[in-house]
């Protein structure tokens, strides 16, 4: 491996996984907020960016919040209240009920279930899009027919099989919280993600397709739901001449400064998506001949936003790799490699990659929660995980063999070609 890459020197400027791409318009609207002294959680920027986002995704209402997690929390809280009514004092709206959740995702997707005193039941992933498996979801409803809420995420900007998931949920009378934090701008069968759920959330975190440095939005067609979330996000203040509070509230409203950044980013969303797609396609072409595949998507029905390009190493091309709770180890093997080796090699050349999301059912905080696979095996139905030689735990397999590649849209084609050369060298 060393001889093949001996002519490559580390990048002078770090190649990031996905960093903010600013254009100048952001500063214009932030300066406007300063000039008008709207340095608060209300103002023209918030009003305008809510309008822009609602128009873009095709929903009636968007409520600007402090982050995507806040949006998800209030979506889950609202779902719980609709399903189970007002909780007892000091109890969340889910009141101990089970909730089906995407397994392969960031923990911000599922933590709101815990905030509201629910119990997450993790649904295994499918291989076609790396998202929630509809077959596993159907099996979960057979095992837990009392469940009435599903929290589903779209991984790395690739839409899941949301129509199949909706069909299963409709069959069992369940509501959907759609986590489109990573997939803003992606569409499925011509419809934007963030509009399929009963309650929907997007994110403008610093590494997302467009950013406000932070920020998120709750998306809905219901004025009542939008008004409720807006009220909760401003400490649940009642319409009184003093500070009147009749229920628990939160300091979750979006800042007018953050909204100014997002407002300046919005005109460039499609440009960012096109740039991210170019990154994905260059990797796909550059890896031809290697025993790898890219993160897949349904080209006929979906248009991803290509937020992150990911690599999956063929099973027979994996060298030995072991991961503890916090540290990995591997043994280099000629002609083979593993995510750990590739990530460590990229780091030596000043490029950032990351492991793909560690499935929630493997996380220490959620290891005791039920986990359901497509054939009904997993946790909660048996005393131990049963491996019959089938791919029972798709998420764990993807975590073992997958990694996120440097996907920054400011990376030049020349820089990306060097990244490709570095990764090819790991198989030598």
Protein backbone atom coordinates (compact mmCIF):
# COMPACT_ATOMS: atom_id res chain seq x y z
CA UNK A 1 0.00 0.00 0.00
CA UNK A 2 2.82 2.40 0.86
CA UNK A 3 4.57 2.09 -2.53
CA UNK A 4 1.36 2.73 -4.44
CA UNK A 5 0.72 5.98 -2.52
CA UNK A 6 4.29 7.14 -1.95
CA UNK A 7 3.79 10.03 -4.39
CA UNK A 8 0.74 11.39 -2.55
CA UNK A 9 1.26 14.14 0.00
CA UNK A 10 -1.28 15.18 2.64
CA UNK A 11 -3.76 17.85 1.61
CA UNK A 12 -2.66 21.31 2.70
CA UNK A 13 -6.24 22.28 3.39
CA UNK A 14 -8.35 19.62 5.07
CA UNK A 15 -10.92 17.83 2.93
CA UNK A 16 -14.05 17.74 5.07
CA UNK A 17 -16.85 15.24 5.26
CA UNK A 18 -19.41 18.00 4.67
CA UNK A 19 -18.78 21.59 5.68
CA UNK A 20 -20.93 24.72 5.27
CA UNK A 21 -20.83 26.38 1.85
CA UNK A 22 -21.51 30.09 2.15
CA UNK A 23 -22.30 32.45 -0.72
CA UNK A 24 -22.54 35.96 0.72
CA UNK A 25 -26.31 36.34 0.70
CA UNK A 26 -26.32 34.94 4.23
CA UNK A 27 -24.37 37.95 5.52
CA UNK A 28 -26.82 40.31 3.80
CA UNK A 29 -29.78 39.01 5.77
CA UNK A 30 -27.85 38.75 9.04
CA UNK A 31 -26.76 42.38 8.60
CA UNK A 32 -30.36 43.30 7.84
CA UNK A 33 -31.43 41.75 11.15
CA UNK A 34 -28.76 43.78 13.00
CA UNK A 35 -29.73 46.98 11.21
CA UNK A 36 -33.39 46.52 12.18
CA UNK A 37 -32.44 45.32 15.68
CA UNK A 38 -34.37 42.04 15.31
CA UNK A 39 -31.86 40.05 17.37
CA UNK A 40 -34.47 37.77 18.82
CA UNK A 41 -36.76 34.83 18.01
CA UNK A 42 -39.01 36.86 15.75
CA UNK A 43 -38.47 39.02 12.69
CA UNK A 44 -38.60 39.24 8.92
CA UNK A 45 -36.01 36.52 8.34
CA UNK A 46 -38.00 33.92 10.27
CA UNK A 47 -41.22 34.85 8.52
CA UNK A 48 -39.60 34.72 5.09
CA UNK A 49 -37.65 31.49 5.55
CA UNK A 50 -40.76 29.72 6.88
CA UNK A 51 -42.56 30.84 3.73
CA UNK A 52 -39.69 29.78 1.44
CA UNK A 53 -39.36 26.32 2.97
CA UNK A 54 -43.11 25.65 2.96
CA UNK A 55 -43.32 26.65 -0.70
CA UNK A 56 -40.31 24.53 -1.62
CA UNK A 57 -41.45 21.30 0.00
CA UNK A 58 -45.12 21.81 -0.82
CA UNK A 59 -46.67 22.03 2.64
CA UNK A 60 -48.91 24.74 4.07
CA UNK A 61 -46.97 25.60 7.23
CA UNK A 62 -43.36 25.60 8.41
CA UNK A 63 -42.37 26.55 11.95
CA UNK A 64 -38.76 27.65 12.46
CA UNK A 65 -37.15 26.03 15.49
CA UNK A 66 -33.72 26.06 17.13
CA UNK A 67 -32.59 22.73 15.68
CA UNK A 68 -33.79 19.58 13.96
CA UNK A 69 -33.92 17.75 17.28
CA UNK A 70 -36.30 20.38 18.68
CA UNK A 71 -38.49 19.87 15.61
CA UNK A 72 -38.51 16.11 16.15
CA UNK A 73 -39.19 16.48 19.86
CA UNK A 74 -42.25 18.66 19.32
CA UNK A 75 -43.42 16.37 16.49
CA UNK A 76 -43.24 13.35 18.81
CA UNK A 77 -44.83 15.30 21.68
CA UNK A 78 -47.70 16.38 19.42
CA UNK A 79 -48.19 12.83 18.15
CA UNK A 80 -48.31 11.51 21.71
CA UNK A 81 -50.88 14.08 22.77
CA UNK A 82 -53.09 13.29 19.77
CA UNK A 83 -52.85 9.55 20.38
CA UNK A 84 -53.02 9.34 24.17
CA UNK A 85 -54.37 12.68 25.40
CA UNK A 86 -52.96 14.94 28.06
CA UNK A 87 -50.44 13.13 30.27
CA UNK A 88 -50.32 13.16 34.02
CA UNK A 89 -48.11 15.82 35.65
CA UNK A 90 -44.37 15.21 35.11
CA UNK A 91 -45.06 12.53 32.50
CA UNK A 92 -44.38 12.64 28.76
CA UNK A 93 -47.15 12.42 26.20
CA UNK A 94 -46.20 8.87 25.15
CA UNK A 95 -46.94 7.65 28.70
CA UNK A 96 -44.83 4.48 28.53
CA UNK A 97 -46.06 3.37 25.11
CA UNK A 98 -43.91 1.61 22.49
CA UNK A 99 -42.91 3.47 19.33
CA UNK A 100 -41.42 1.91 16.20
CA UNK A 101 -38.23 3.73 15.13
CA UNK A 102 -35.64 3.60 12.38
CA UNK A 103 -32.67 1.60 13.63
CA UNK A 104 -29.92 2.99 11.41
CA UNK A 105 -29.92 6.70 12.15
CA UNK A 106 -28.44 9.35 14.41
CA UNK A 107 -29.75 9.14 17.96
CA UNK A 108 -31.49 12.51 17.60
CA UNK A 109 -34.17 10.63 15.64
CA UNK A 110 -35.12 8.43 18.59
CA UNK A 111 -34.16 10.43 21.68
CA UNK A 112 -37.42 12.44 21.55
CA UNK A 113 -39.28 9.18 22.18
CA UNK A 114 -37.37 8.92 25.45
CA UNK A 115 -38.00 12.61 26.21
CA UNK A 116 -41.73 11.85 26.08
CA UNK A 117 -41.51 8.67 28.20
CA UNK A 118 -41.94 6.26 25.30
CA UNK A 119 -40.05 3.05 24.56
CA UNK A 120 -38.36 2.80 21.17
CA UNK A 121 -38.71 -0.49 19.31
CA UNK A 122 -36.08 -0.56 16.58
CA UNK A 123 -36.98 -1.70 13.08
CA UNK A 124 -34.20 -3.23 11.00
CA UNK A 125 -32.85 -1.70 7.80
CA UNK A 126 -33.34 -2.88 4.22
CA UNK A 127 -30.49 -3.15 1.74
CA UNK A 128 -32.06 -1.27 -1.18
CA UNK A 129 -31.91 2.21 0.37
CA UNK A 130 -30.39 1.60 3.85
CA UNK A 131 -33.63 2.82 5.43
CA UNK A 132 -36.41 1.28 7.54
CA UNK A 133 -37.46 -2.09 6.16
CA UNK A 134 -41.24 -2.23 5.41
CA UNK A 135 -41.23 -6.01 5.88
CA UNK A 136 -39.65 -5.67 9.32
CA UNK A 137 -42.19 -2.96 10.15
CA UNK A 138 -45.04 -5.29 9.19
CA UNK A 139 -43.55 -8.01 11.38
CA UNK A 140 -43.24 -5.52 14.25
CA UNK A 141 -46.95 -4.70 14.05
CA UNK A 142 -47.73 -8.41 14.17
CA UNK A 143 -45.65 -8.65 17.34
CA UNK A 144 -46.84 -5.39 18.89
CA UNK A 145 -50.28 -4.57 17.39
CA UNK A 146 -50.94 -1.94 20.06
CA UNK A 147 -48.29 0.43 18.65
CA UNK A 148 -49.71 3.60 17.07
CA UNK A 149 -46.63 5.69 16.20
CA UNK A 150 -43.70 5.19 13.79
CA UNK A 151 -40.64 7.46 13.59
CA UNK A 152 -38.90 7.03 10.25
CA UNK A 153 -35.69 8.69 8.96
CA UNK A 154 -34.25 9.05 5.45
CA UNK A 155 -30.56 8.14 5.66
CA UNK A 156 -27.83 10.30 4.11
CA UNK A 157 -30.31 12.12 1.87
CA UNK A 158 -31.73 8.96 0.28
CA UNK A 159 -35.52 8.56 0.55
CA UNK A 160 -36.70 5.31 2.09
CA UNK A 161 -39.57 3.18 0.81
CA UNK A 162 -41.96 5.67 2.32
CA UNK A 163 -45.03 4.63 0.30
CA UNK A 164 -44.67 1.02 1.49
CA UNK A 165 -44.10 2.23 5.05
CA UNK A 166 -47.21 4.43 4.85
CA UNK A 167 -49.25 1.50 3.54
CA UNK A 168 -48.23 -0.63 6.53
CA UNK A 169 -48.94 2.24 8.96
CA UNK A 170 -52.35 2.88 7.42
CA UNK A 171 -53.18 -0.81 7.73
CA UNK A 172 -52.55 -0.68 11.47
CA UNK A 173 -53.87 2.84 12.08
CA UNK A 174 -50.49 4.29 13.07
CA UNK A 175 -49.25 7.87 12.72
CA UNK A 176 -45.86 8.76 11.22
CA UNK A 177 -43.20 11.21 12.39
CA UNK A 178 -40.95 11.75 9.37
CA UNK A 179 -37.34 12.70 10.09
CA UNK A 180 -36.15 14.42 6.92
CA UNK A 181 -33.22 16.10 8.69
CA UNK A 182 -30.71 14.61 6.25
CA UNK A 183 -32.93 14.61 3.16
CA UNK A 184 -34.12 18.21 2.67
CA UNK A 185 -34.45 18.66 -1.10
CA UNK A 186 -34.80 14.93 -1.81
CA UNK A 187 -38.01 13.63 -3.35
CA UNK A 188 -39.86 10.34 -3.75
CA UNK A 189 -42.19 9.85 -6.72
CA UNK A 190 -42.11 13.59 -7.30
CA UNK A 191 -42.99 14.53 -3.73
CA UNK A 192 -40.55 16.13 -1.29
CA UNK A 193 -39.48 14.26 1.82
CA UNK A 194 -40.79 16.03 4.87
CA UNK A 195 -44.36 15.88 3.57
CA UNK A 196 -45.15 12.15 3.90
CA UNK A 197 -45.57 11.99 7.66
CA UNK A 198 -48.36 13.21 9.88
CA UNK A 199 -45.65 15.29 11.58
CA UNK A 200 -42.41 16.21 9.80
CA UNK A 201 -39.00 17.69 10.64
CA UNK A 202 -35.95 19.00 8.78
CA UNK A 203 -32.57 20.30 9.97
CA UNK A 204 -30.21 23.15 9.10
CA UNK A 205 -27.29 21.86 11.18
CA UNK A 206 -23.81 23.01 10.18
CA UNK A 207 -23.06 20.02 7.94
CA UNK A 208 -26.45 19.69 6.23
CA UNK A 209 -27.19 20.33 2.54
CA UNK A 210 -27.98 23.96 3.45
CA UNK A 211 -27.31 25.38 6.88
CA UNK A 212 -28.01 28.10 9.38
CA UNK A 213 -25.18 26.80 11.60
CA UNK A 214 -28.11 25.34 13.55
CA UNK A 215 -31.87 25.48 13.19
CA UNK A 216 -34.67 23.21 12.07
CA UNK A 217 -38.30 23.27 11.02
CA UNK A 218 -41.55 21.51 11.79
CA UNK A 219 -43.55 20.97 8.59
CA UNK A 220 -47.31 20.37 8.39
CA UNK A 221 -50.54 21.03 6.50
CA UNK A 222 -52.40 21.58 9.77
CA UNK A 223 -52.73 25.15 11.04
CA UNK A 224 -53.70 23.85 14.49
CA UNK A 225 -50.54 21.72 14.67
CA UNK A 226 -48.35 24.60 13.47
CA UNK A 227 -49.88 26.95 16.05
CA UNK A 228 -49.43 24.36 18.81
CA UNK A 229 -45.76 23.79 17.99
CA UNK A 230 -45.14 27.53 17.71
CA UNK A 231 -46.71 28.03 21.14
CA UNK A 232 -44.74 25.20 22.77
CA UNK A 233 -41.51 26.54 21.24
CA UNK A 234 -41.99 29.92 22.94
CA UNK A 235 -42.44 28.61 26.50
CA UNK A 236 -46.18 27.97 26.01
CA UNK A 237 -47.14 31.55 26.72
CA UNK A 238 -50.88 32.14 26.76
CA UNK A 239 -52.66 35.09 25.13
CA UNK A 240 -52.65 37.26 28.25
CA UNK A 241 -51.19 40.70 29.06
CA UNK A 242 -48.74 39.01 31.44
CA UNK A 243 -46.70 35.81 31.26
CA UNK A 244 -49.40 33.18 31.68
CA UNK A 245 -48.44 29.49 31.45
CA UNK A 246 -50.89 26.59 31.55
CA UNK A 247 -48.64 23.81 30.19
CA UNK A 248 -44.96 23.01 29.88
CA UNK A 249 -43.14 24.93 27.17
CA UNK A 250 -39.69 25.07 25.62
CA UNK A 251 -37.18 27.65 24.41
CA UNK A 252 -37.11 26.12 20.93
CA UNK A 253 -37.90 29.01 18.57
CA UNK A 254 -35.48 29.81 15.74
CA UNK A 255 -33.37 32.95 16.08
CA UNK A 256 -33.87 35.69 13.49
CA UNK A 257 -30.08 35.63 12.99
CA UNK A 258 -30.06 31.90 12.21
CA UNK A 259 -33.07 32.43 9.94
CA UNK A 260 -31.09 35.06 8.05
CA UNK A 261 -28.37 32.53 7.28
CA UNK A 262 -30.93 29.95 6.13
CA UNK A 263 -32.70 32.62 4.07
CA UNK A 264 -29.43 33.34 2.29
CA UNK A 265 -28.81 29.63 1.72
CA UNK A 266 -32.20 28.73 0.26
CA UNK A 267 -31.51 30.00 -3.30
CA UNK A 268 -28.52 27.64 -3.48
CA UNK A 269 -30.19 24.40 -2.40
CA UNK A 270 -30.51 22.97 -5.91
CA UNK A 271 -26.93 23.99 -6.70
CA UNK A 272 -25.68 22.17 -3.61
CA UNK A 273 -27.67 19.06 -4.54
CA UNK A 274 -26.18 19.06 -8.05
CA UNK A 275 -22.67 19.43 -6.62
CA UNK A 276 -23.23 16.60 -4.14
CA UNK A 277 -24.54 14.40 -6.95
CA UNK A 278 -21.37 15.09 -8.95
CA UNK A 279 -19.32 13.96 -5.95
CA UNK A 280 -21.34 10.73 -5.72
CA UNK A 281 -21.01 10.01 -9.46
CA UNK A 282 -17.24 10.66 -9.49
CA UNK A 283 -16.79 8.19 -6.65
CA UNK A 284 -18.97 5.62 -8.39
CA UNK A 285 -16.91 5.92 -11.58
CA UNK A 286 -13.59 6.05 -9.74
CA UNK A 287 -14.25 2.87 -7.76
CA UNK A 288 -15.01 0.72 -10.79
CA UNK A 289 -13.18 -2.58 -10.52
CA UNK A 290 -12.99 -2.47 -6.72
CA UNK A 291 -15.02 -4.89 -4.59
CA UNK A 292 -17.24 -2.09 -3.30
CA UNK A 293 -20.64 -0.49 -3.88
CA UNK A 294 -21.99 3.00 -3.14
CA UNK A 295 -24.96 3.74 -0.90
CA UNK A 296 -27.92 2.70 -3.07
CA UNK A 297 -31.13 4.46 -4.04
CA UNK A 298 -34.23 3.81 -6.12
CA UNK A 299 -33.30 5.66 -9.31
CA UNK A 300 -36.74 5.12 -10.83
CA UNK A 301 -38.77 6.63 -8.00
CA UNK A 302 -36.48 8.81 -5.90
CA UNK A 303 -34.17 11.78 -6.28
CA UNK A 304 -31.76 11.90 -3.33
CA UNK A 305 -30.03 15.09 -2.25
CA UNK A 306 -26.77 13.07 -2.13
CA UNK A 307 -25.84 14.70 1.18
CA UNK A 308 -23.19 12.06 1.97
CA UNK A 309 -21.55 9.56 -0.36
CA UNK A 310 -20.97 6.23 1.34
CA UNK A 311 -18.98 3.12 0.52
CA UNK A 312 -19.81 -0.52 1.29
CA UNK A 313 -17.01 -3.08 1.05
CA UNK A 314 -17.88 -6.53 -0.28
CA UNK A 315 -17.88 -9.20 2.42
CA UNK A 316 -15.11 -11.24 0.82
CA UNK A 317 -12.93 -8.12 0.51
CA UNK A 318 -13.02 -7.33 4.24
CA UNK A 319 -9.87 -7.79 6.29
CA UNK A 320 -10.24 -8.69 9.96
CA UNK A 321 -11.76 -5.84 11.96
CA UNK A 322 -12.90 -5.67 15.55
CA UNK A 323 -14.68 -2.76 17.23
CA UNK A 324 -14.88 -2.26 20.96
CA UNK A 325 -17.07 0.34 22.57
CA UNK A 326 -14.69 3.18 21.74
CA UNK A 327 -11.73 1.80 19.80
CA UNK A 328 -11.41 -0.31 16.62
CA UNK A 329 -8.65 -2.70 15.55
CA UNK A 330 -7.86 -4.38 12.25
CA UNK A 331 -5.25 -6.58 10.59
CA UNK A 332 -4.17 -5.53 7.11
CA UNK A 333 -4.57 -8.26 4.52
CA UNK A 334 -3.26 -7.99 0.96
CA UNK A 335 -6.08 -7.23 -1.47
CA UNK A 336 -8.50 -6.52 1.35
CA UNK A 337 -9.35 -3.64 3.64
CA UNK A 338 -12.00 -2.42 6.11
CA UNK A 339 -13.66 0.86 7.10
CA UNK A 340 -11.21 1.40 9.95
CA UNK A 341 -8.18 1.11 7.68
CA UNK A 342 -9.66 3.41 5.04
CA UNK A 343 -10.66 6.05 7.59
CA UNK A 344 -7.27 5.98 9.29
CA UNK A 345 -5.54 6.25 5.92
CA UNK A 346 -7.70 9.18 4.85
CA UNK A 347 -6.91 10.92 8.13
CA UNK A 348 -3.16 10.58 7.45
CA UNK A 349 -3.70 12.57 4.27
CA UNK A 350 -5.81 15.23 6.05
CA UNK A 351 -9.18 14.07 4.76
CA UNK A 352 -12.25 13.42 6.90
CA UNK A 353 -14.45 10.35 6.59
CA UNK A 354 -16.61 8.68 9.22
CA UNK A 355 -18.14 5.32 10.05
CA UNK A 356 -21.76 5.09 9.04
CA UNK A 357 -24.33 5.38 11.82
CA UNK A 358 -24.02 2.67 14.41
CA UNK A 359 -27.50 1.11 14.60
CA UNK A 360 -29.54 2.19 17.59
CA UNK A 361 -30.11 -1.36 18.80
CA UNK A 362 -26.32 -1.68 19.20
CA UNK A 363 -25.97 1.53 21.24
CA UNK A 364 -25.32 1.02 24.98
CA UNK A 365 -28.18 3.35 25.93
CA UNK A 366 -30.72 1.33 23.90
CA UNK A 367 -29.38 -2.23 24.07
CA UNK A 368 -32.28 -3.45 26.16
CA UNK A 369 -34.91 -2.11 23.75
CA UNK A 370 -36.75 -4.49 21.42
CA UNK A 371 -35.36 -4.89 17.90
CA UNK A 372 -37.29 -6.48 15.01
CA UNK A 373 -35.92 -7.89 11.75
CA UNK A 374 -37.78 -8.78 8.55
CA UNK A 375 -38.25 -12.40 9.61
CA UNK A 376 -39.24 -11.54 13.16
CA UNK A 377 -35.98 -12.43 14.86
CA UNK A 378 -34.08 -9.93 16.96
CA UNK A 379 -34.55 -8.89 20.56
CA UNK A 380 -37.69 -8.97 22.61
CA UNK A 381 -39.14 -12.03 20.86
CA UNK A 382 -36.41 -14.47 21.87
CA UNK A 383 -33.79 -14.71 24.58
CA UNK A 384 -30.95 -14.27 22.13
CA UNK A 385 -30.29 -13.16 18.59
CA UNK A 386 -30.55 -16.21 16.30
CA UNK A 387 -28.34 -16.32 13.22
CA UNK A 388 -29.57 -18.85 10.69
CA UNK A 389 -27.06 -17.89 8.04
CA UNK A 390 -29.45 -15.26 6.69
CA UNK A 391 -28.89 -11.50 6.72
CA UNK A 392 -31.07 -11.05 9.78
CA UNK A 393 -29.47 -7.86 11.03
CA UNK A 394 -28.95 -5.68 7.97
CA UNK A 395 -28.02 -2.59 9.96
CA UNK A 396 -25.22 -4.33 11.87
CA UNK A 397 -23.81 -5.67 8.59
CA UNK A 398 -23.84 -2.22 6.97
CA UNK A 399 -22.15 -0.73 10.02
CA UNK A 400 -19.45 -3.41 9.87
CA UNK A 401 -18.63 -2.86 6.18
CA UNK A 402 -19.65 0.73 5.44
CA UNK A 403 -18.18 4.21 5.78
CA UNK A 404 -19.00 7.81 4.86
CA UNK A 405 -16.60 9.33 2.34
CA UNK A 406 -15.38 12.94 2.16
CA UNK A 407 -18.44 14.53 0.53
CA UNK A 408 -17.79 18.25 0.74
CA UNK A 409 -19.22 20.08 -2.26
CA UNK A 410 -16.21 22.43 -2.29
CA UNK A 411 -13.84 19.51 -2.91
CA UNK A 412 -12.39 19.82 -6.41
CA UNK A 413 -12.44 16.98 -8.93
CA UNK A 414 -8.64 16.81 -8.64
CA UNK A 415 -8.83 16.49 -4.86
CA UNK A 416 -11.51 13.84 -5.14
CA UNK A 417 -9.39 11.87 -7.61
CA UNK A 418 -6.63 11.81 -5.00
CA UNK A 419 -9.13 10.55 -2.40
CA UNK A 420 -10.11 7.80 -4.83
CA UNK A 421 -6.46 6.91 -5.38
CA UNK A 422 -5.88 6.73 -1.61
CA UNK A 423 -8.83 4.38 -1.14
CA UNK A 424 -7.79 2.19 -4.07
CA UNK A 425 -4.39 1.92 -2.43
CA UNK A 426 -5.99 0.43 0.70
CA UNK A 427 -6.89 -2.68 -1.34
CA UNK A 428 -3.28 -3.34 -2.35
